[in-house]
Amino acid sequence: MRIFVTGANGFIATALIPELTKAGHTVLGLTRSDAGEAALRAAGIETLRGNIEDLDSLRKGAEQTDGTIHLAFNHDFSQFQKNCEDDQKAITAIGEVLAGSDRPFLITSGTAIASSADGPSTEISPVTSHNPRVASEKIMGELTQRGVNTGIVRLPQVHDTRKQGLVPYITAVAREKGVSVYVGEGEQRWPAAHVSDVARLYHLAFEKAEAGAIYHAVDEEGVSMKAIAEVLGKGLKVPVKSLTPEEVPAHFGWLAMFATLDMPSSSAITQQKLNWHPTGPDLLTDLNNMDYSIA
């Protein structure tokens, strides 16, 4: 199949695209810069210039291919609301092209969207209304009703030794302020998965093409914030301490809304549906092996 991949130069896409091409698929990669275009072409990938705010480029990519994997997202979380609104528009534009066809359309969401009072959230847990990214999933539900072959991949903290979801932002604050912190007892938990496992999940989900499916790309159900802070403190050679909830906004700024969340998540349903079994390193291993001399 010829697959349109948005965010083709991004962290997950650079692991996913080789996975797709090895399986015999071809990729049309959306890229927004000369450098991005050159990198994709050097890897033998066909390119399309555009971005998630250029809706015509999204429509063009979807029209020319047999299915779409939407990975692009603006990760400037200081304007999270706007980024989510742009994502909704992008999904709508692609979905309009695919309506009435059986061409698969996978989008990206986050496990933090779902919550459960009884333990880790699951693929069937209720979604929370306070997360603005919920609107993207709602749109996908509407597109499913219109005959689009939709699927949603919810991401945890996706990691290797270079990137780890939101953790690099916490690392930057610890580096800047000379202290690595956690909140209260540090019992807040973040789910995680290695980028290689996540790439394999997208591949499996795309080929399965089950309309309306929701997948959790989770290996570890919850890594404690205290454990993360302790590894960062060791790597950065800074002290580790606890903050009260009242101290969090001043210390973390925009990141405060994430730093206090306990959001464990399960992938048991996903693993069964896709026969997907993560094998990559865990989050703390990658953090321990990270090069902290690089700012």
Protein backbone atom coordinates (compact mmCIF):
# COMPACT_ATOMS: atom_id res chain seq x y z
CA MET A 1 0.00 0.00 0.00
CA ARG A 2 0.99 3.61 -0.50
CA ILE A 3 0.67 5.31 2.88
CA PHE A 4 0.48 9.03 3.64
CA VAL A 5 2.40 9.82 6.84
CA THR A 6 2.15 13.27 8.41
CA GLY A 7 4.97 14.40 10.65
CA ALA A 8 7.27 12.23 8.56
CA ASN A 9 10.46 13.70 10.05
CA GLY A 10 9.22 13.30 13.61
CA PHE A 11 10.39 11.05 16.41
CA ILE A 12 7.90 8.23 15.90
CA ALA A 13 7.79 8.49 12.11
CA THR A 14 11.54 7.97 11.79
CA ALA A 15 11.05 4.60 13.50
CA LEU A 16 7.76 3.79 11.75
CA ILE A 17 8.67 4.52 8.13
CA PRO A 18 11.44 1.88 7.93
CA GLU A 19 8.99 -0.55 9.55
CA LEU A 20 6.44 0.16 6.80
CA THR A 21 8.88 0.01 3.89
CA LYS A 22 10.42 -3.23 5.17
CA ALA A 23 6.92 -4.73 5.02
CA GLY A 24 6.60 -3.73 1.36
CA HIS A 25 4.61 -0.51 1.71
CA THR A 26 5.60 2.79 0.11
CA VAL A 27 5.35 6.09 1.97
CA LEU A 28 4.42 9.63 1.00
CA GLY A 29 5.87 11.75 3.78
CA LEU A 30 4.54 15.19 4.70
CA THR A 31 7.40 17.55 5.50
CA ARG A 32 7.50 21.29 6.16
CA SER A 33 11.13 22.22 5.42
CA ASP A 34 13.92 21.87 2.89
CA ALA A 35 16.00 19.96 5.43
CA GLY A 36 13.13 17.60 6.16
CA GLU A 37 12.52 17.00 2.49
CA ALA A 38 16.21 16.28 1.88
CA ALA A 39 16.36 13.81 4.78
CA LEU A 40 13.35 11.87 3.53
CA ARG A 41 14.56 11.79 -0.05
CA ALA A 42 17.98 10.58 1.11
CA ALA A 43 16.15 7.65 2.71
CA GLY A 44 14.28 6.96 -0.52
CA ILE A 45 10.96 8.36 0.70
CA GLU A 46 8.66 10.36 -1.57
CA THR A 47 7.80 13.76 -0.10
CA LEU A 48 4.95 16.22 -0.03
CA ARG A 49 5.59 19.76 1.21
CA GLY A 50 3.10 21.06 3.74
CA ASN A 51 2.14 21.10 7.40
CA ILE A 52 -0.85 20.52 9.65
CA GLU A 53 -2.07 24.09 9.18
CA ASP A 54 -1.92 23.74 5.39
CA LEU A 55 -5.14 21.80 4.97
CA ASP A 56 -4.83 21.60 1.21
CA SER A 57 -1.55 19.70 1.57
CA LEU A 58 -3.28 17.23 3.91
CA ARG A 59 -6.13 16.71 1.49
CA LYS A 60 -3.68 16.20 -1.38
CA GLY A 61 -1.71 13.58 0.54
CA ALA A 62 -4.84 11.69 1.55
CA GLU A 63 -6.22 11.77 -2.00
CA GLN A 64 -3.05 10.31 -3.51
CA THR A 65 -2.62 7.35 -1.16
CA ASP A 66 -4.26 4.16 0.10
CA GLY A 67 -4.45 5.27 3.72
CA THR A 68 -3.14 7.83 6.21
CA ILE A 69 -1.21 7.72 9.47
CA HIS A 70 -1.48 11.11 11.15
CA LEU A 71 1.49 11.69 13.46
CA ALA A 72 2.06 15.43 13.09
CA PHE A 73 1.38 17.57 16.17
CA ASN A 74 2.84 20.85 17.41
CA HIS A 75 4.60 19.93 20.65
CA ASP A 76 4.84 23.48 21.98
CA PHE A 77 2.73 22.63 25.02
CA SER A 78 2.64 26.25 26.16
CA GLN A 79 -0.09 26.65 23.49
CA PHE A 80 -1.67 23.24 23.92
CA GLN A 81 -5.24 24.44 23.31
CA LYS A 82 -4.35 25.95 19.91
CA ASN A 83 -2.36 22.87 18.93
CA CYS A 84 -5.36 20.67 19.69
CA GLU A 85 -7.62 22.92 17.62
CA ASP A 86 -5.19 22.68 14.69
CA ASP A 87 -5.18 18.91 15.09
CA GLN A 88 -8.98 18.79 14.91
CA LYS A 89 -8.96 20.79 11.67
CA ALA A 90 -6.28 18.55 10.18
CA ILE A 91 -8.21 15.38 11.05
CA THR A 92 -11.41 16.81 9.61
CA ALA A 93 -9.66 17.75 6.33
CA ILE A 94 -8.18 14.28 5.88
CA GLY A 95 -11.38 12.55 6.96
CA GLU A 96 -13.45 14.43 4.39
CA VAL A 97 -11.25 13.00 1.65
CA LEU A 98 -11.51 9.44 2.98
CA ALA A 99 -15.25 9.43 3.70
CA GLY A 100 -17.07 6.56 2.03
CA SER A 101 -13.90 4.58 1.35
CA ASP A 102 -12.26 1.73 3.23
CA ARG A 103 -8.85 3.42 3.25
CA PRO A 104 -7.42 3.24 6.81
CA PHE A 105 -7.00 6.47 8.77
CA LEU A 106 -4.99 6.29 11.99
CA ILE A 107 -4.65 9.34 14.22
CA THR A 108 -2.59 9.99 17.32
CA SER A 109 -3.98 10.80 20.76
CA GLY A 110 -2.80 10.37 24.34
CA THR A 111 -3.51 7.86 27.09
CA ALA A 112 -4.12 10.78 29.47
CA ILE A 113 -7.42 11.33 27.68
CA ALA A 114 -8.94 8.31 29.43
CA SER A 115 -9.35 7.79 33.16
CA SER A 116 -10.50 5.04 35.48
CA ALA A 117 -11.35 5.12 39.16
CA ASP A 118 -10.57 1.42 39.47
CA GLY A 119 -6.96 1.37 38.23
CA PRO A 120 -5.08 2.08 35.01
CA SER A 121 -7.15 3.51 32.19
CA THR A 122 -7.98 1.18 29.33
CA GLU A 123 -9.00 1.51 25.72
CA ILE A 124 -12.67 1.45 26.80
CA SER A 125 -12.41 3.79 29.82
CA PRO A 126 -14.41 7.04 29.74
CA VAL A 127 -12.57 10.03 28.31
CA THR A 128 -12.02 13.13 30.44
CA SER A 129 -13.62 16.39 29.41
CA HIS A 130 -10.79 18.64 30.66
CA ASN A 131 -8.27 17.50 28.04
CA PRO A 132 -8.70 19.56 24.83
CA ARG A 133 -7.39 16.69 22.72
CA VAL A 134 -10.65 14.86 23.42
CA ALA A 135 -12.18 16.82 20.55
CA SER A 136 -9.93 15.03 18.07
CA GLU A 137 -11.23 11.67 19.24
CA LYS A 138 -14.80 12.97 19.06
CA ILE A 139 -14.24 13.99 15.45
CA MET A 140 -12.90 10.52 14.69
CA GLY A 141 -16.09 9.05 16.11
CA GLU A 142 -18.12 11.27 13.79
CA LEU A 143 -15.96 10.27 10.83
CA THR A 144 -16.51 6.60 11.65
CA GLN A 145 -20.24 7.21 11.41
CA ARG A 146 -19.64 8.75 7.97
CA GLY A 147 -17.92 5.62 6.72
CA VAL A 148 -14.27 6.49 7.35
CA ASN A 149 -12.12 3.52 8.38
CA THR A 150 -10.78 5.21 11.50
CA GLY A 151 -8.40 4.14 14.24
CA ILE A 152 -6.86 5.91 17.22
CA VAL A 153 -3.45 5.24 18.76
CA ARG A 154 -3.09 6.73 22.24
CA LEU A 155 0.48 7.44 23.27
CA PRO A 156 2.13 7.37 26.70
CA GLN A 157 5.65 8.77 27.25
CA VAL A 158 7.35 7.43 24.14
CA HIS A 159 11.07 7.13 24.69
CA ASP A 160 14.59 6.20 23.74
CA THR A 161 17.84 7.75 25.01
CA ARG A 162 17.19 10.98 23.05
CA LYS A 163 13.52 11.77 23.74
CA GLN A 164 10.99 10.68 26.33
CA GLY A 165 7.64 12.40 25.78
CA LEU A 166 7.22 15.14 28.38
CA VAL A 167 10.29 14.09 30.38
CA PRO A 168 12.75 16.31 28.41
CA TYR A 169 10.77 19.35 29.54
CA ILE A 170 11.12 18.23 33.15
CA THR A 171 14.82 17.62 32.51
CA ALA A 172 15.23 21.14 31.15
CA VAL A 173 13.61 22.64 34.24
CA ALA A 174 15.84 20.55 36.52
CA ARG A 175 18.90 21.64 34.57
CA GLU A 176 17.88 25.30 34.69
CA LYS A 177 16.94 25.39 38.38
CA GLY A 178 19.60 23.03 39.68
CA VAL A 179 17.16 20.67 41.38
CA SER A 180 15.13 17.67 40.25
CA VAL A 181 11.71 17.60 41.86
CA TYR A 182 8.59 15.52 42.30
CA VAL A 183 5.26 16.47 43.89
CA GLY A 184 4.31 15.27 47.35
CA GLU A 185 5.33 11.63 47.76
CA GLY A 186 6.05 11.37 44.03
CA GLU A 187 3.40 8.70 43.56
CA GLN A 188 2.05 10.19 40.33
CA ARG A 189 2.51 7.61 37.56
CA TRP A 190 3.13 8.07 33.86
CA PRO A 191 2.81 5.18 31.38
CA ALA A 192 5.62 4.63 28.90
CA ALA A 193 6.75 2.63 25.86
CA HIS A 194 9.89 2.47 23.74
CA VAL A 195 9.67 4.15 20.33
CA SER A 196 10.47 0.91 18.48
CA ASP A 197 7.48 -0.82 20.09
CA VAL A 198 5.22 2.13 19.32
CA ALA A 199 6.26 2.12 15.66
CA ARG A 200 5.44 -1.58 15.44
CA LEU A 201 2.02 -0.95 16.96
CA TYR A 202 1.15 1.70 14.35
CA HIS A 203 2.17 -0.74 11.63
CA LEU A 204 0.01 -3.54 13.05
CA ALA A 205 -2.96 -1.24 13.65
CA PHE A 206 -2.81 0.16 10.12
CA GLU A 207 -2.72 -3.28 8.52
CA LYS A 208 -5.54 -4.58 10.73
CA ALA A 209 -7.64 -1.52 9.80
CA GLU A 210 -10.44 -2.16 12.28
CA ALA A 211 -12.87 0.74 11.98
CA GLY A 212 -13.41 2.61 15.23
CA ALA A 213 -10.59 0.83 17.08
CA ILE A 214 -8.72 2.48 19.93
CA TYR A 215 -5.25 1.27 20.85
CA HIS A 216 -3.00 2.01 23.82
CA ALA A 217 0.70 2.01 22.93
CA VAL A 218 1.69 1.20 26.50
CA ASP A 219 4.42 -1.06 27.83
CA GLU A 220 4.85 0.14 31.43
CA GLU A 221 1.52 1.01 33.00
CA GLY A 222 2.97 3.64 35.31
CA VAL A 223 6.45 4.92 36.18
CA SER A 224 6.47 7.03 39.35
CA MET A 225 7.46 10.67 39.17
CA LYS A 226 9.76 10.15 42.15
CA ALA A 227 11.66 7.45 40.27
CA ILE A 228 11.95 9.70 37.23
CA ALA A 229 13.15 12.64 39.35
CA GLU A 230 15.76 10.47 41.07
CA VAL A 231 17.23 9.26 37.77
CA LEU A 232 17.30 12.81 36.41
CA GLY A 233 18.95 14.07 39.59
CA LYS A 234 21.65 11.42 39.29
CA GLY A 235 22.25 12.16 35.62
CA LEU A 236 22.32 15.93 36.02
CA LYS A 237 24.20 15.72 39.34
CA VAL A 238 21.64 17.91 41.11
CA PRO A 239 19.73 17.35 44.36
CA VAL A 240 16.30 15.73 44.39
CA LYS A 241 13.46 17.06 46.52
CA SER A 242 9.71 17.08 46.95
CA LEU A 243 7.48 20.06 46.22
CA THR A 244 4.10 20.81 47.73
CA PRO A 245 1.24 21.13 45.21
CA GLU A 246 1.20 24.87 45.94
CA GLU A 247 4.83 25.19 44.82
CA VAL A 248 4.34 23.40 41.50
CA PRO A 249 3.06 26.31 39.30
CA ALA A 250 5.97 28.59 40.16
CA HIS A 251 8.51 25.83 39.59
CA PHE A 252 7.15 24.24 36.41
CA GLY A 253 5.15 27.00 34.69
CA TRP A 254 2.98 25.56 31.89
CA LEU A 255 4.28 22.08 32.70
CA ALA A 256 2.54 22.19 36.09
CA MET A 257 -0.72 20.90 34.63
CA PHE A 258 1.04 17.65 33.68
CA ALA A 259 3.44 17.33 36.64
CA THR A 260 0.66 16.65 39.14
CA LEU A 261 -1.24 14.06 37.09
CA ASP A 262 -1.47 10.42 38.08
CA MET A 263 -2.32 8.74 34.78
CA PRO A 264 -1.48 5.02 34.71
CA SER A 265 -2.71 3.19 31.64
CA SER A 266 -3.08 -0.40 30.42
CA SER A 267 -2.66 -1.92 26.96
CA ALA A 268 -4.06 -5.38 27.71
CA ILE A 269 -6.84 -5.04 25.12
CA THR A 270 -4.45 -3.70 22.48
CA GLN A 271 -1.94 -6.47 23.06
CA GLN A 272 -4.62 -9.10 22.62
CA LYS A 273 -6.18 -7.50 19.52
CA LEU A 274 -2.92 -6.93 17.65
CA ASN A 275 -0.74 -9.68 19.13
CA TRP A 276 1.55 -6.80 20.08
CA HIS A 277 4.05 -7.46 22.83
CA PRO A 278 6.54 -4.70 23.72
CA THR A 279 10.17 -5.76 23.98
CA GLY A 280 12.09 -2.48 24.15
CA PRO A 281 13.99 -0.98 27.11
CA ASP A 282 11.96 0.59 29.91
CA LEU A 283 11.84 4.32 30.56
CA LEU A 284 14.23 4.42 33.52
CA THR A 285 16.79 2.37 31.59
CA ASP A 286 16.74 4.88 28.75
CA LEU A 287 16.97 7.79 31.21
CA ASN A 288 19.93 6.13 32.92
CA ASN A 289 21.65 5.70 29.56
CA MET A 290 20.99 9.23 28.34
CA ASP A 291 23.91 11.61 27.69
CA TYR A 292 23.36 14.39 30.21
CA SER A 293 26.30 16.41 28.89
CA ILE A 294 24.11 17.47 25.97
CA ALA A 295 21.93 20.43 26.93
